[in-house]
C-alpha atoms as a PDB file:
ATOM      1  CA  MET A   1       0.000   0.000   0.000  1.00  0.00           C
ATOM      2  CA  THR A   2       1.483   3.310  -1.081  1.00  0.00           C
ATOM      3  CA  MET A   3       0.353   6.441   0.711  1.00  0.00           C
ATOM      4  CA  THR A   4       1.408   9.858  -0.473  1.00  0.00           C
ATOM      5  CA  ALA A   5       0.391  12.915   1.532  1.00  0.00           C
ATOM      6  CA  GLN A   6      -1.061  15.798  -0.419  1.00  0.00           C
ATOM      7  CA  PRO A   7      -1.692  19.376   0.627  1.00  0.00           C
ATOM      8  CA  THR A   8      -5.133  19.784   2.138  1.00  0.00           C
ATOM      9  CA  ALA A   9      -7.493  21.345  -0.392  1.00  0.00           C
ATOM     10  CA  MET A  10     -10.786  20.281   1.165  1.00  0.00           C
ATOM     11  CA  THR A  11     -12.593  22.400   3.673  1.00  0.00           C
ATOM     12  CA  ALA A  12     -14.992  21.081   6.245  1.00  0.00           C
ATOM     13  CA  PRO A  13     -18.696  21.850   6.066  1.00  0.00           C
ATOM     14  CA  ARG A  14     -20.240  24.497   8.272  1.00  0.00           C
ATOM     15  CA  PRO A  15     -21.208  23.332  11.761  1.00  0.00           C
ATOM     16  CA  TRP A  16     -24.600  21.647  11.998  1.00  0.00           C
ATOM     17  CA  THR A  17     -26.704  22.310  15.086  1.00  0.00           C
ATOM     18  CA  ILE A  18     -29.705  20.265  16.166  1.00  0.00           C
ATOM     19  CA  GLY A  19     -31.953  20.475  19.169  1.00  0.00           C
ATOM     20  CA  PRO A  20     -32.814  20.976  21.781  1.00  0.00           C
ATOM     21  CA  VAL A  21     -33.045  17.183  21.720  1.00  0.00           C
ATOM     22  CA  THR A  22     -35.934  15.586  23.540  1.00  0.00           C
ATOM     23  CA  ARG A  23     -36.728  12.344  25.304  1.00  0.00           C
ATOM     24  CA  THR A  24     -38.962  11.620  22.299  1.00  0.00           C
ATOM     25  CA  ASP A  25     -35.859  11.820  20.062  1.00  0.00           C
ATOM     26  CA  PHE A  26     -34.178   9.268  22.339  1.00  0.00           C
ATOM     27  CA  VAL A  27     -37.178   6.910  22.276  1.00  0.00           C
ATOM     28  CA  ARG A  28     -37.441   7.160  18.491  1.00  0.00           C
ATOM     29  CA  TYR A  29     -33.793   6.184  18.216  1.00  0.00           C
ATOM     30  CA  GLN A  30     -34.306   3.349  20.687  1.00  0.00           C
ATOM     31  CA  GLY A  31     -37.181   1.986  18.618  1.00  0.00           C
ATOM     32  CA  ALA A  32     -35.162   2.166  15.416  1.00  0.00           C
ATOM     33  CA  SER A  33     -32.082   0.552  16.949  1.00  0.00           C
ATOM     34  CA  GLY A  34     -33.846  -2.021  19.126  1.00  0.00           C
ATOM     35  CA  ASP A  35     -31.987  -0.804  22.238  1.00  0.00           C
ATOM     36  CA  MET A  36     -34.867  -0.378  24.675  1.00  0.00           C
ATOM     37  CA  ASN A  37     -32.835  -0.012  27.881  1.00  0.00           C
ATOM     38  CA  PRO A  38     -35.215   1.864  30.238  1.00  0.00           C
ATOM     39  CA  ILE A  39     -32.402   4.114  31.483  1.00  0.00           C
ATOM     40  CA  HIS A  40     -32.892   6.069  28.242  1.00  0.00           C
ATOM     41  CA  HIS A  41     -36.639   6.737  28.597  1.00  0.00           C
ATOM     42  CA  ASP A  42     -37.965   5.801  32.063  1.00  0.00           C
ATOM     43  CA  GLU A  43     -37.635   8.587  34.648  1.00  0.00           C
ATOM     44  CA  THR A  44     -38.058   6.305  37.685  1.00  0.00           C
ATOM     45  CA  PHE A  45     -35.557   3.762  36.380  1.00  0.00           C
ATOM     46  CA  ALA A  46     -32.969   6.434  35.516  1.00  0.00           C
ATOM     47  CA  LYS A  47     -33.279   8.115  38.923  1.00  0.00           C
ATOM     48  CA  ALA A  48     -33.008   4.757  40.723  1.00  0.00           C
ATOM     49  CA  ALA A  49     -29.738   4.242  38.832  1.00  0.00           C
ATOM     50  CA  GLY A  50     -28.451   7.594  40.143  1.00  0.00           C
ATOM     51  CA  PHE A  51     -29.090   9.817  37.125  1.00  0.00           C
ATOM     52  CA  GLU A  52     -31.043  13.095  37.092  1.00  0.00           C
ATOM     53  CA  SER A  53     -33.184  11.900  34.187  1.00  0.00           C
ATOM     54  CA  PRO A  54     -33.053   9.518  31.238  1.00  0.00           C
ATOM     55  CA  PHE A  55     -30.198  10.259  28.841  1.00  0.00           C
ATOM     56  CA  SER A  56     -29.481   9.510  25.218  1.00  0.00           C
ATOM     57  CA  VAL A  57     -28.218   6.214  23.862  1.00  0.00           C
ATOM     58  CA  GLY A  58     -24.652   7.117  22.844  1.00  0.00           C
ATOM     59  CA  MET A  59     -25.241   5.837  19.344  1.00  0.00           C
ATOM     60  CA  PHE A  60     -27.928   8.514  18.867  1.00  0.00           C
ATOM     61  CA  GLN A  61     -25.335  11.306  18.785  1.00  0.00           C
ATOM     62  CA  ALA A  62     -22.879   9.056  16.927  1.00  0.00           C
ATOM     63  CA  GLY A  63     -25.594   8.607  14.293  1.00  0.00           C
ATOM     64  CA  VAL A  64     -26.164  12.360  14.109  1.00  0.00           C
ATOM     65  CA  LEU A  65     -22.435  12.840  13.578  1.00  0.00           C
ATOM     66  CA  GLY A  66     -22.361  10.066  10.980  1.00  0.00           C
ATOM     67  CA  THR A  67     -25.182  11.767   9.074  1.00  0.00           C
ATOM     68  CA  TYR A  68     -23.295  15.072   9.143  1.00  0.00           C
ATOM     69  CA  ALA A  69     -20.198  13.379   7.705  1.00  0.00           C
ATOM     70  CA  THR A  70     -21.967  11.275   5.072  1.00  0.00           C
ATOM     71  CA  ASP A  71     -24.078  14.211   3.885  1.00  0.00           C
ATOM     72  CA  TRP A  72     -20.730  15.871   3.158  1.00  0.00           C
ATOM     73  CA  LEU A  73     -18.618  13.001   1.813  1.00  0.00           C
ATOM     74  CA  GLY A  74     -21.123  10.259   0.909  1.00  0.00           C
ATOM     75  CA  ALA A  75     -22.063   7.104   2.807  1.00  0.00           C
ATOM     76  CA  GLU A  76     -20.699   4.959  -0.013  1.00  0.00           C
ATOM     77  CA  ASN A  77     -17.265   6.520   0.531  1.00  0.00           C
ATOM     78  CA  VAL A  78     -16.773   5.556   4.203  1.00  0.00           C
ATOM     79  CA  ARG A  79     -13.689   3.386   4.686  1.00  0.00           C
ATOM     80  CA  SER A  80     -13.296   3.567   8.469  1.00  0.00           C
ATOM     81  CA  PHE A  81     -15.231   5.130  11.335  1.00  0.00           C
ATOM     82  CA  ARG A  82     -13.866   5.029  14.900  1.00  0.00           C
ATOM     83  CA  ILE A  83     -15.935   6.470  17.750  1.00  0.00           C
ATOM     84  CA  ARG A  84     -15.139   7.622  21.287  1.00  0.00           C
ATOM     85  CA  PHE A  85     -18.046   8.352  23.619  1.00  0.00           C
ATOM     86  CA  LEU A  86     -17.125  11.143  26.044  1.00  0.00           C
ATOM     87  CA  GLU A  87     -20.189  12.773  27.652  1.00  0.00           C
ATOM     88  CA  GLN A  88     -23.823  11.904  28.089  1.00  0.00           C
ATOM     89  CA  VAL A  89     -26.492  13.836  26.219  1.00  0.00           C
ATOM     90  CA  TRP A  90     -29.565  14.924  28.175  1.00  0.00           C
ATOM     91  CA  PRO A  91     -33.032  16.097  27.173  1.00  0.00           C
ATOM     92  CA  GLY A  92     -32.788  19.803  26.333  1.00  0.00           C
ATOM     93  CA  ASP A  93     -29.218  19.634  25.052  1.00  0.00           C
ATOM     94  CA  VAL A  94     -28.370  21.414  21.817  1.00  0.00           C
ATOM     95  CA  LEU A  95     -25.823  19.484  19.742  1.00  0.00           C
ATOM     96  CA  THR A  96     -23.354  20.989  17.302  1.00  0.00           C
ATOM     97  CA  CYS A  97     -21.449  18.835  14.833  1.00  0.00           C
ATOM     98  CA  THR A  98     -18.129  20.032  13.459  1.00  0.00           C
ATOM     99  CA  ALA A  99     -15.480  18.541  11.187  1.00  0.00           C
ATOM    100  CA  LYS A 100     -11.787  19.057  10.610  1.00  0.00           C
ATOM    101  CA  VAL A 101      -9.851  17.757   7.612  1.00  0.00           C
ATOM    102  CA  VAL A 102      -6.773  16.055   9.070  1.00  0.00           C
ATOM    103  CA  LYS A 103      -5.072  14.677   5.954  1.00  0.00           C
ATOM    104  CA  GLU A 104      -5.641  14.100   2.258  1.00  0.00           C
ATOM    105  CA  TYR A 105      -3.610  11.436   0.513  1.00  0.00           C
ATOM    106  CA  GLN A 106      -3.393   8.960  -2.306  1.00  0.00           C
ATOM    107  CA  ASP A 107      -3.729   5.303  -1.231  1.00  0.00           C
ATOM    108  CA  ASN A 108      -2.955   3.102  -4.223  1.00  0.00           C
ATOM    109  CA  THR A 109      -5.530   4.236  -6.785  1.00  0.00           C
ATOM    110  CA  GLU A 110      -7.900   6.020  -4.380  1.00  0.00           C
ATOM    111  CA  SER A 111      -7.799   9.586  -3.117  1.00  0.00           C
ATOM    112  CA  LYS A 112      -8.668   9.574   0.571  1.00  0.00           C
ATOM    113  CA  VAL A 113      -9.283  12.035   3.358  1.00  0.00           C
ATOM    114  CA  ASP A 114      -8.982  11.535   7.108  1.00  0.00           C
ATOM    115  CA  VAL A 115     -11.344  13.685   9.154  1.00  0.00           C
ATOM    116  CA  GLU A 116     -11.965  14.317  12.821  1.00  0.00           C
ATOM    117  CA  LEU A 117     -15.579  14.941  13.772  1.00  0.00           C
ATOM    118  CA  GLU A 118     -17.074  16.189  17.016  1.00  0.00           C
ATOM    119  CA  CYS A 119     -20.571  16.382  18.409  1.00  0.00           C
ATOM    120  CA  ALA A 120     -20.540  18.935  21.237  1.00  0.00           C
ATOM    121  CA  ARG A 121     -23.182  19.946  23.754  1.00  0.00           C
ATOM    122  CA  GLN A 122     -24.123  23.572  24.386  1.00  0.00           C
ATOM    123  CA  THR A 123     -21.957  23.350  27.525  1.00  0.00           C
ATOM    124  CA  GLY A 124     -18.886  23.051  25.308  1.00  0.00           C
ATOM    125  CA  GLY A 125     -18.358  19.455  26.366  1.00  0.00           C
ATOM    126  CA  VAL A 126     -17.783  16.946  23.568  1.00  0.00           C
ATOM    127  CA  ALA A 127     -20.289  14.097  23.639  1.00  0.00           C
ATOM    128  CA  VAL A 128     -18.758  12.076  20.791  1.00  0.00           C
ATOM    129  CA  ARG A 129     -15.533  12.282  18.801  1.00  0.00           C
ATOM    130  CA  VAL A 130     -15.015  10.356  15.563  1.00  0.00           C
ATOM    131  CA  TRP A 131     -11.981   9.674  13.391  1.00  0.00           C
ATOM    132  CA  ALA A 132     -12.993   8.601   9.911  1.00  0.00           C
ATOM    133  CA  THR A 133     -11.503   7.896   6.515  1.00  0.00           C
ATOM    134  CA  PHE A 134     -13.420   8.507   3.299  1.00  0.00           C
ATOM    135  CA  VAL A 135     -12.634   8.026  -0.354  1.00  0.00           C
ATOM    136  CA  ILE A 136     -12.843  11.433  -1.990  1.00  0.00           C
ATOM    137  CA  ALA A 137     -15.506  11.260  -4.665  1.00  0.00           C
ATOM    138  CA  PRO A 138     -14.865  13.278  -7.841  1.00  0.00           C
ATOM    139  CA  GLY A 139     -16.089  16.838  -7.426  1.00  0.00           C
ATOM    140  CA  VAL A 140     -16.001  16.915  -3.605  1.00  0.00           C
ATOM    141  CA  VAL A 141     -13.813  19.865  -2.704  1.00  0.00           C
ATOM    142  CA  SER A 142     -15.418  21.490   0.275  1.00  0.00           C
ATOM    143  CA  GLY A 143     -18.392  21.301   2.580  1.00  0.00           C
END
């Protein structure tokens, strides 16, 4: 495998803000994913577990971040997607997704880009961080 670094020509898309997110958003995600852990929708259960309220399934915000990235670079172009969950997301949080182009390079016959993505809460805390590699589709220059 030959990798040649190239100067970064791509620019990241503008930040994408969603929310405030609601418990209904969490339950919708739970239904779609099949993860019906009551800690994410049942007030009594969440409080008995020591939390102030139900909180989001971590994959909810990872999915939001994935949508942000694939709307920019194309789902068919994902080559790797590594996630780190950092903070919980609560009802009422406003989430902002951002991206940074880390490196563009040629890998054999494919042009690729490594990006770092973050989904942050209105508090400034990062809920999810992602490192991803995409093939650069013809015509994709900036977000």
